[in-house]
Amino acid sequence: MAAPMGSQRKFFLMLLFALSVPVVQCYIGIWETFFLKILYPEDVSYVYEVKPARTFGGLFEQYYDEIELVPSLPADGCRTLENSLDVQDQIALVKRGGCSFLSKAVNVADSGAAAVFIYDNNSQNDWAFIDMIGDDTERETVLPAAFMLGRDGQRIVESLVRNGVRSAVLTMPYNITGIPIGQINKAPWTLW
């Protein structure tokens, strides 16, 4: 005997609810990548994919609702940040190059940031994620760190300059589980 239609619907709704529970219930960092959504400025208000550092930094284990993404000064983050007050309790956006990924993360951690996104210095990179690993020093940091594609990072920085604002506002992690791939508001230059 087939199950009554009401039971099937109830099961389907329970399954749908289970799939829509925020991703934050699982620690981010054990997955290959995760998603975030920029809310402002509007010209870069898309869903982006980032990849947590492989061998250093803490886990992204918190849900951030409307946290600022602030470009570091200097852009490469290879020395003490000049805008540490702006970065404090926010996410720093740092450009790859000039020093190790770990050096950047340590400098950003010293500024009191909540996390760091390091974007590729190849502004044409719109598909290749890099495994960020530590260097040969014995330094460590618990600051969560993630790699962002170069084209994404560059477009965000350009938008901030164009709009005359010091930071973008984002939400993360952003759960795309129940959204059909064609309906995800991803950046038009992104291949995923």
C-alpha atoms as a PDB file:
ATOM      1  CA  MET A   1       0.000   0.000   0.000  1.00  0.00           C
ATOM      2  CA  ALA A   2       1.392   3.399  -0.988  1.00  0.00           C
ATOM      3  CA  ALA A   3       1.931   6.012   1.718  1.00  0.00           C
ATOM      4  CA  PRO A   4      -0.751   8.685   1.831  1.00  0.00           C
ATOM      5  CA  MET A   5       0.135  11.862  -0.085  1.00  0.00           C
ATOM      6  CA  GLY A   6       0.197  13.847   3.171  1.00  0.00           C
ATOM      7  CA  SER A   7       3.008  11.663   4.567  1.00  0.00           C
ATOM      8  CA  GLN A   8       5.097  12.101   1.428  1.00  0.00           C
ATOM      9  CA  ARG A   9       4.597  15.837   1.549  1.00  0.00           C
ATOM     10  CA  LYS A  10       5.526  15.952   5.242  1.00  0.00           C
ATOM     11  CA  PHE A  11       8.708  13.940   4.551  1.00  0.00           C
ATOM     12  CA  PHE A  12       9.594  16.220   1.637  1.00  0.00           C
ATOM     13  CA  LEU A  13       9.083  19.355   3.758  1.00  0.00           C
ATOM     14  CA  MET A  14      11.196  17.907   6.580  1.00  0.00           C
ATOM     15  CA  LEU A  15      13.956  17.057   4.099  1.00  0.00           C
ATOM     16  CA  LEU A  16      13.771  20.523   2.581  1.00  0.00           C
ATOM     17  CA  PHE A  17      14.011  22.089   6.046  1.00  0.00           C
ATOM     18  CA  ALA A  18      17.005  19.905   6.942  1.00  0.00           C
ATOM     19  CA  LEU A  19      18.821  21.007   3.807  1.00  0.00           C
ATOM     20  CA  SER A  20      18.143  24.675   4.481  1.00  0.00           C
ATOM     21  CA  VAL A  21      19.566  24.740   8.026  1.00  0.00           C
ATOM     22  CA  PRO A  22      22.426  27.243   8.046  1.00  0.00           C
ATOM     23  CA  VAL A  23      25.782  25.852   7.069  1.00  0.00           C
ATOM     24  CA  VAL A  24      27.303  27.274  10.254  1.00  0.00           C
ATOM     25  CA  GLN A  25      26.194  24.143  12.113  1.00  0.00           C
ATOM     26  CA  CYS A  26      29.188  22.425  10.536  1.00  0.00           C
ATOM     27  CA  TYR A  27      32.644  23.881  10.935  1.00  0.00           C
ATOM     28  CA  ILE A  28      33.844  25.505   7.778  1.00  0.00           C
ATOM     29  CA  GLY A  29      37.387  24.516   7.107  1.00  0.00           C
ATOM     30  CA  ILE A  30      36.753  20.825   6.787  1.00  0.00           C
ATOM     31  CA  TRP A  31      35.205  21.476   3.389  1.00  0.00           C
ATOM     32  CA  GLU A  32      37.067  22.444   0.259  1.00  0.00           C
ATOM     33  CA  THR A  33      35.276  25.769  -0.240  1.00  0.00           C
ATOM     34  CA  PHE A  34      32.405  27.803   1.119  1.00  0.00           C
ATOM     35  CA  PHE A  35      30.293  30.712  -0.065  1.00  0.00           C
ATOM     36  CA  LEU A  36      29.660  34.272   1.014  1.00  0.00           C
ATOM     37  CA  LYS A  37      27.359  36.964  -0.284  1.00  0.00           C
ATOM     38  CA  ILE A  38      28.335  40.592  -0.670  1.00  0.00           C
ATOM     39  CA  LEU A  39      25.412  42.857   0.152  1.00  0.00           C
ATOM     40  CA  TYR A  40      27.019  46.231  -0.595  1.00  0.00           C
ATOM     41  CA  PRO A  41      28.205  47.887  -2.852  1.00  0.00           C
ATOM     42  CA  GLU A  42      25.473  46.812  -5.224  1.00  0.00           C
ATOM     43  CA  ASP A  43      27.728  46.569  -8.295  1.00  0.00           C
ATOM     44  CA  VAL A  44      29.548  43.613  -6.673  1.00  0.00           C
ATOM     45  CA  SER A  45      26.562  42.221  -4.775  1.00  0.00           C
ATOM     46  CA  TYR A  46      27.020  38.573  -5.748  1.00  0.00           C
ATOM     47  CA  VAL A  47      27.723  35.162  -4.238  1.00  0.00           C
ATOM     48  CA  TYR A  48      31.448  34.335  -4.065  1.00  0.00           C
ATOM     49  CA  GLU A  49      33.344  31.145  -3.332  1.00  0.00           C
ATOM     50  CA  VAL A  50      36.440  31.078  -1.087  1.00  0.00           C
ATOM     51  CA  LYS A  51      38.767  28.308   0.074  1.00  0.00           C
ATOM     52  CA  PRO A  52      40.026  28.090   3.682  1.00  0.00           C
ATOM     53  CA  ALA A  53      43.775  27.942   4.331  1.00  0.00           C
ATOM     54  CA  ARG A  54      45.077  24.403   4.340  1.00  0.00           C
ATOM     55  CA  THR A  55      47.744  24.298   7.056  1.00  0.00           C
ATOM     56  CA  PHE A  56      47.315  27.390   9.226  1.00  0.00           C
ATOM     57  CA  GLY A  57      44.675  29.568  10.801  1.00  0.00           C
ATOM     58  CA  GLY A  58      41.512  28.843  12.688  1.00  0.00           C
ATOM     59  CA  LEU A  59      38.210  27.513  11.464  1.00  0.00           C
ATOM     60  CA  PHE A  60      35.413  29.688  10.155  1.00  0.00           C
ATOM     61  CA  GLU A  61      32.975  28.555  12.819  1.00  0.00           C
ATOM     62  CA  GLN A  62      30.806  31.614  13.168  1.00  0.00           C
ATOM     63  CA  TYR A  63      27.963  33.061  11.112  1.00  0.00           C
ATOM     64  CA  TYR A  64      28.667  36.648  10.126  1.00  0.00           C
ATOM     65  CA  ASP A  65      25.713  38.814   9.229  1.00  0.00           C
ATOM     66  CA  GLU A  66      26.693  42.118   7.675  1.00  0.00           C
ATOM     67  CA  ILE A  67      30.371  42.120   8.562  1.00  0.00           C
ATOM     68  CA  GLU A  68      32.687  44.497   6.716  1.00  0.00           C
ATOM     69  CA  LEU A  69      35.305  43.382   4.190  1.00  0.00           C
ATOM     70  CA  VAL A  70      38.087  45.974   4.412  1.00  0.00           C
ATOM     71  CA  PRO A  71      41.072  46.130   2.013  1.00  0.00           C
ATOM     72  CA  SER A  72      44.325  46.191   3.954  1.00  0.00           C
ATOM     73  CA  LEU A  73      46.886  48.978   3.823  1.00  0.00           C
ATOM     74  CA  PRO A  74      49.394  48.020   2.545  1.00  0.00           C
ATOM     75  CA  ALA A  75      47.439  45.984   0.008  1.00  0.00           C
ATOM     76  CA  ASP A  76      49.793  42.989   0.309  1.00  0.00           C
ATOM     77  CA  GLY A  77      49.589  42.907   4.132  1.00  0.00           C
ATOM     78  CA  CYS A  78      53.307  42.193   4.417  1.00  0.00           C
ATOM     79  CA  ARG A  79      53.874  44.601   7.295  1.00  0.00           C
ATOM     80  CA  THR A  80      51.868  46.084  10.161  1.00  0.00           C
ATOM     81  CA  LEU A  81      48.560  47.333   8.803  1.00  0.00           C
ATOM     82  CA  GLU A  82      48.196  51.108   8.582  1.00  0.00           C
ATOM     83  CA  ASN A  83      44.413  50.769   8.774  1.00  0.00           C
ATOM     84  CA  SER A  84      44.292  48.410  11.738  1.00  0.00           C
ATOM     85  CA  LEU A  85      41.453  50.393  13.354  1.00  0.00           C
ATOM     86  CA  ASP A  86      39.315  49.901  10.220  1.00  0.00           C
ATOM     87  CA  VAL A  87      40.124  46.186  10.079  1.00  0.00           C
ATOM     88  CA  GLN A  88      39.539  45.502  13.789  1.00  0.00           C
ATOM     89  CA  ASP A  89      36.681  42.986  14.263  1.00  0.00           C
ATOM     90  CA  GLN A  90      36.103  42.932  10.486  1.00  0.00           C
ATOM     91  CA  ILE A  91      37.458  40.797   7.621  1.00  0.00           C
ATOM     92  CA  ALA A  92      40.634  42.062   5.973  1.00  0.00           C
ATOM     93  CA  LEU A  93      41.016  41.732   2.204  1.00  0.00           C
ATOM     94  CA  VAL A  94      44.686  41.250   1.333  1.00  0.00           C
ATOM     95  CA  LYS A  95      46.402  40.863  -2.043  1.00  0.00           C
ATOM     96  CA  ARG A  96      48.658  37.855  -2.671  1.00  0.00           C
ATOM     97  CA  GLY A  97      52.394  38.422  -3.175  1.00  0.00           C
ATOM     98  CA  GLY A  98      55.349  40.013  -1.404  1.00  0.00           C
ATOM     99  CA  CYS A  99      55.443  37.583   1.543  1.00  0.00           C
ATOM    100  CA  SER A 100      54.012  34.262   2.676  1.00  0.00           C
ATOM    101  CA  PHE A 101      50.324  33.639   3.253  1.00  0.00           C
ATOM    102  CA  LEU A 102      51.126  33.026   6.921  1.00  0.00           C
ATOM    103  CA  SER A 103      52.962  36.362   7.240  1.00  0.00           C
ATOM    104  CA  LYS A 104      49.886  38.140   5.905  1.00  0.00           C
ATOM    105  CA  ALA A 105      47.605  36.276   8.317  1.00  0.00           C
ATOM    106  CA  VAL A 106      49.874  37.059  11.302  1.00  0.00           C
ATOM    107  CA  ASN A 107      49.960  40.777  10.399  1.00  0.00           C
ATOM    108  CA  VAL A 108      46.180  40.873  10.002  1.00  0.00           C
ATOM    109  CA  ALA A 109      45.702  38.977  13.280  1.00  0.00           C
ATOM    110  CA  ASP A 110      47.848  41.594  15.028  1.00  0.00           C
ATOM    111  CA  SER A 111      45.338  44.223  13.844  1.00  0.00           C
ATOM    112  CA  GLY A 112      42.478  42.450  15.647  1.00  0.00           C
ATOM    113  CA  ALA A 113      40.594  41.354  12.520  1.00  0.00           C
ATOM    114  CA  ALA A 114      37.950  38.618  12.660  1.00  0.00           C
ATOM    115  CA  ALA A 115      39.364  36.876   9.564  1.00  0.00           C
ATOM    116  CA  VAL A 116      41.371  37.441   6.393  1.00  0.00           C
ATOM    117  CA  PHE A 117      40.645  36.786   2.719  1.00  0.00           C
ATOM    118  CA  ILE A 118      43.756  36.709   0.552  1.00  0.00           C
ATOM    119  CA  TYR A 119      42.945  37.252  -3.104  1.00  0.00           C
ATOM    120  CA  ASP A 120      45.171  36.172  -5.974  1.00  0.00           C
ATOM    121  CA  ASN A 121      47.466  38.814  -7.461  1.00  0.00           C
ATOM    122  CA  ASN A 122      46.538  37.487 -10.914  1.00  0.00           C
ATOM    123  CA  SER A 123      43.466  39.630 -11.584  1.00  0.00           C
ATOM    124  CA  GLN A 124      42.512  37.362 -14.498  1.00  0.00           C
ATOM    125  CA  ASN A 125      42.214  34.283 -12.242  1.00  0.00           C
ATOM    126  CA  ASP A 126      38.535  33.432 -12.151  1.00  0.00           C
ATOM    127  CA  TRP A 127      38.702  29.677 -11.584  1.00  0.00           C
ATOM    128  CA  ALA A 128      41.920  28.361  -9.936  1.00  0.00           C
ATOM    129  CA  PHE A 129      41.959  28.091  -6.149  1.00  0.00           C
ATOM    130  CA  ILE A 130      45.319  27.868  -4.399  1.00  0.00           C
ATOM    131  CA  ASP A 131      46.026  25.792  -1.295  1.00  0.00           C
ATOM    132  CA  MET A 132      47.322  28.325   1.192  1.00  0.00           C
ATOM    133  CA  ILE A 133      49.968  26.681   3.356  1.00  0.00           C
ATOM    134  CA  GLY A 134      52.219  27.946   6.120  1.00  0.00           C
ATOM    135  CA  ASP A 135      55.855  28.850   5.657  1.00  0.00           C
ATOM    136  CA  ASP A 136      58.983  27.307   7.180  1.00  0.00           C
ATOM    137  CA  THR A 137      58.799  29.454  10.311  1.00  0.00           C
ATOM    138  CA  GLU A 138      57.368  28.239  13.572  1.00  0.00           C
ATOM    139  CA  ARG A 139      54.816  31.048  13.711  1.00  0.00           C
ATOM    140  CA  GLU A 140      51.152  30.204  14.092  1.00  0.00           C
ATOM    141  CA  THR A 141      47.860  32.033  14.045  1.00  0.00           C
ATOM    142  CA  VAL A 142      44.305  31.106  14.948  1.00  0.00           C
ATOM    143  CA  LEU A 143      42.891  33.769  12.626  1.00  0.00           C
ATOM    144  CA  PRO A 144      40.600  32.158  10.038  1.00  0.00           C
ATOM    145  CA  ALA A 145      42.085  32.677   6.560  1.00  0.00           C
ATOM    146  CA  ALA A 146      40.692  31.925   3.110  1.00  0.00           C
ATOM    147  CA  PHE A 147      41.814  32.274  -0.503  1.00  0.00           C
ATOM    148  CA  MET A 148      39.701  34.319  -2.924  1.00  0.00           C
ATOM    149  CA  LEU A 149      39.990  34.297  -6.703  1.00  0.00           C
ATOM    150  CA  GLY A 150      41.973  37.193  -8.142  1.00  0.00           C
ATOM    151  CA  ARG A 151      39.246  38.507 -10.391  1.00  0.00           C
ATOM    152  CA  ASP A 152      36.781  38.545  -7.481  1.00  0.00           C
ATOM    153  CA  GLY A 153      39.151  40.385  -5.143  1.00  0.00           C
ATOM    154  CA  GLN A 154      40.213  42.881  -7.793  1.00  0.00           C
ATOM    155  CA  ARG A 155      36.620  43.669  -8.797  1.00  0.00           C
ATOM    156  CA  ILE A 156      35.653  44.216  -5.153  1.00  0.00           C
ATOM    157  CA  VAL A 157      38.591  46.594  -4.565  1.00  0.00           C
ATOM    158  CA  GLU A 158      37.805  48.491  -7.796  1.00  0.00           C
ATOM    159  CA  SER A 159      34.165  48.815  -6.738  1.00  0.00           C
ATOM    160  CA  LEU A 160      35.132  50.280  -3.367  1.00  0.00           C
ATOM    161  CA  VAL A 161      37.328  52.882  -5.067  1.00  0.00           C
ATOM    162  CA  ARG A 162      34.653  53.669  -7.672  1.00  0.00           C
ATOM    163  CA  ASN A 163      31.957  54.056  -4.992  1.00  0.00           C
ATOM    164  CA  GLY A 164      34.170  56.008  -2.597  1.00  0.00           C
ATOM    165  CA  VAL A 165      33.614  53.604   0.313  1.00  0.00           C
ATOM    166  CA  ARG A 166      36.178  51.952   2.571  1.00  0.00           C
ATOM    167  CA  SER A 167      34.557  48.516   2.813  1.00  0.00           C
ATOM    168  CA  ALA A 168      32.090  46.041   1.394  1.00  0.00           C
ATOM    169  CA  VAL A 169      29.429  44.407   3.557  1.00  0.00           C
ATOM    170  CA  LEU A 170      28.948  40.655   3.419  1.00  0.00           C
ATOM    171  CA  THR A 171      27.184  37.703   4.978  1.00  0.00           C
ATOM    172  CA  MET A 172      28.904  34.352   5.434  1.00  0.00           C
ATOM    173  CA  PRO A 173      28.661  31.502   5.187  1.00  0.00           C
ATOM    174  CA  TYR A 174      25.976  31.737   2.543  1.00  0.00           C
ATOM    175  CA  ASN A 175      24.012  28.529   2.084  1.00  0.00           C
ATOM    176  CA  ILE A 176      23.365  27.730  -1.591  1.00  0.00           C
ATOM    177  CA  THR A 177      22.165  24.186  -0.920  1.00  0.00           C
ATOM    178  CA  GLY A 178      18.539  24.588  -2.004  1.00  0.00           C
ATOM    179  CA  ILE A 179      19.138  27.115  -4.785  1.00  0.00           C
ATOM    180  CA  PRO A 180      19.287  25.804  -8.371  1.00  0.00           C
ATOM    181  CA  ILE A 181      22.717  26.635  -9.819  1.00  0.00           C
ATOM    182  CA  GLY A 182      21.170  28.823 -12.518  1.00  0.00           C
ATOM    183  CA  GLN A 183      19.430  30.960  -9.900  1.00  0.00           C
ATOM    184  CA  ILE A 184      22.462  31.693  -7.720  1.00  0.00           C
ATOM    185  CA  ASN A 185      23.394  35.344  -8.071  1.00  0.00           C
ATOM    186  CA  LYS A 186      27.024  34.642  -8.898  1.00  0.00           C
ATOM    187  CA  ALA A 187      29.348  37.223 -10.379  1.00  0.00           C
ATOM    188  CA  PRO A 188      28.984  37.335 -14.165  1.00  0.00           C
ATOM    189  CA  TRP A 189      32.753  36.900 -14.624  1.00  0.00           C
ATOM    190  CA  THR A 190      32.830  33.693 -12.539  1.00  0.00           C
ATOM    191  CA  LEU A 191      32.965  30.254 -14.144  1.00  0.00           C
ATOM    192  CA  TRP A 192      31.473  28.131 -11.325  1.00  0.00           C
END
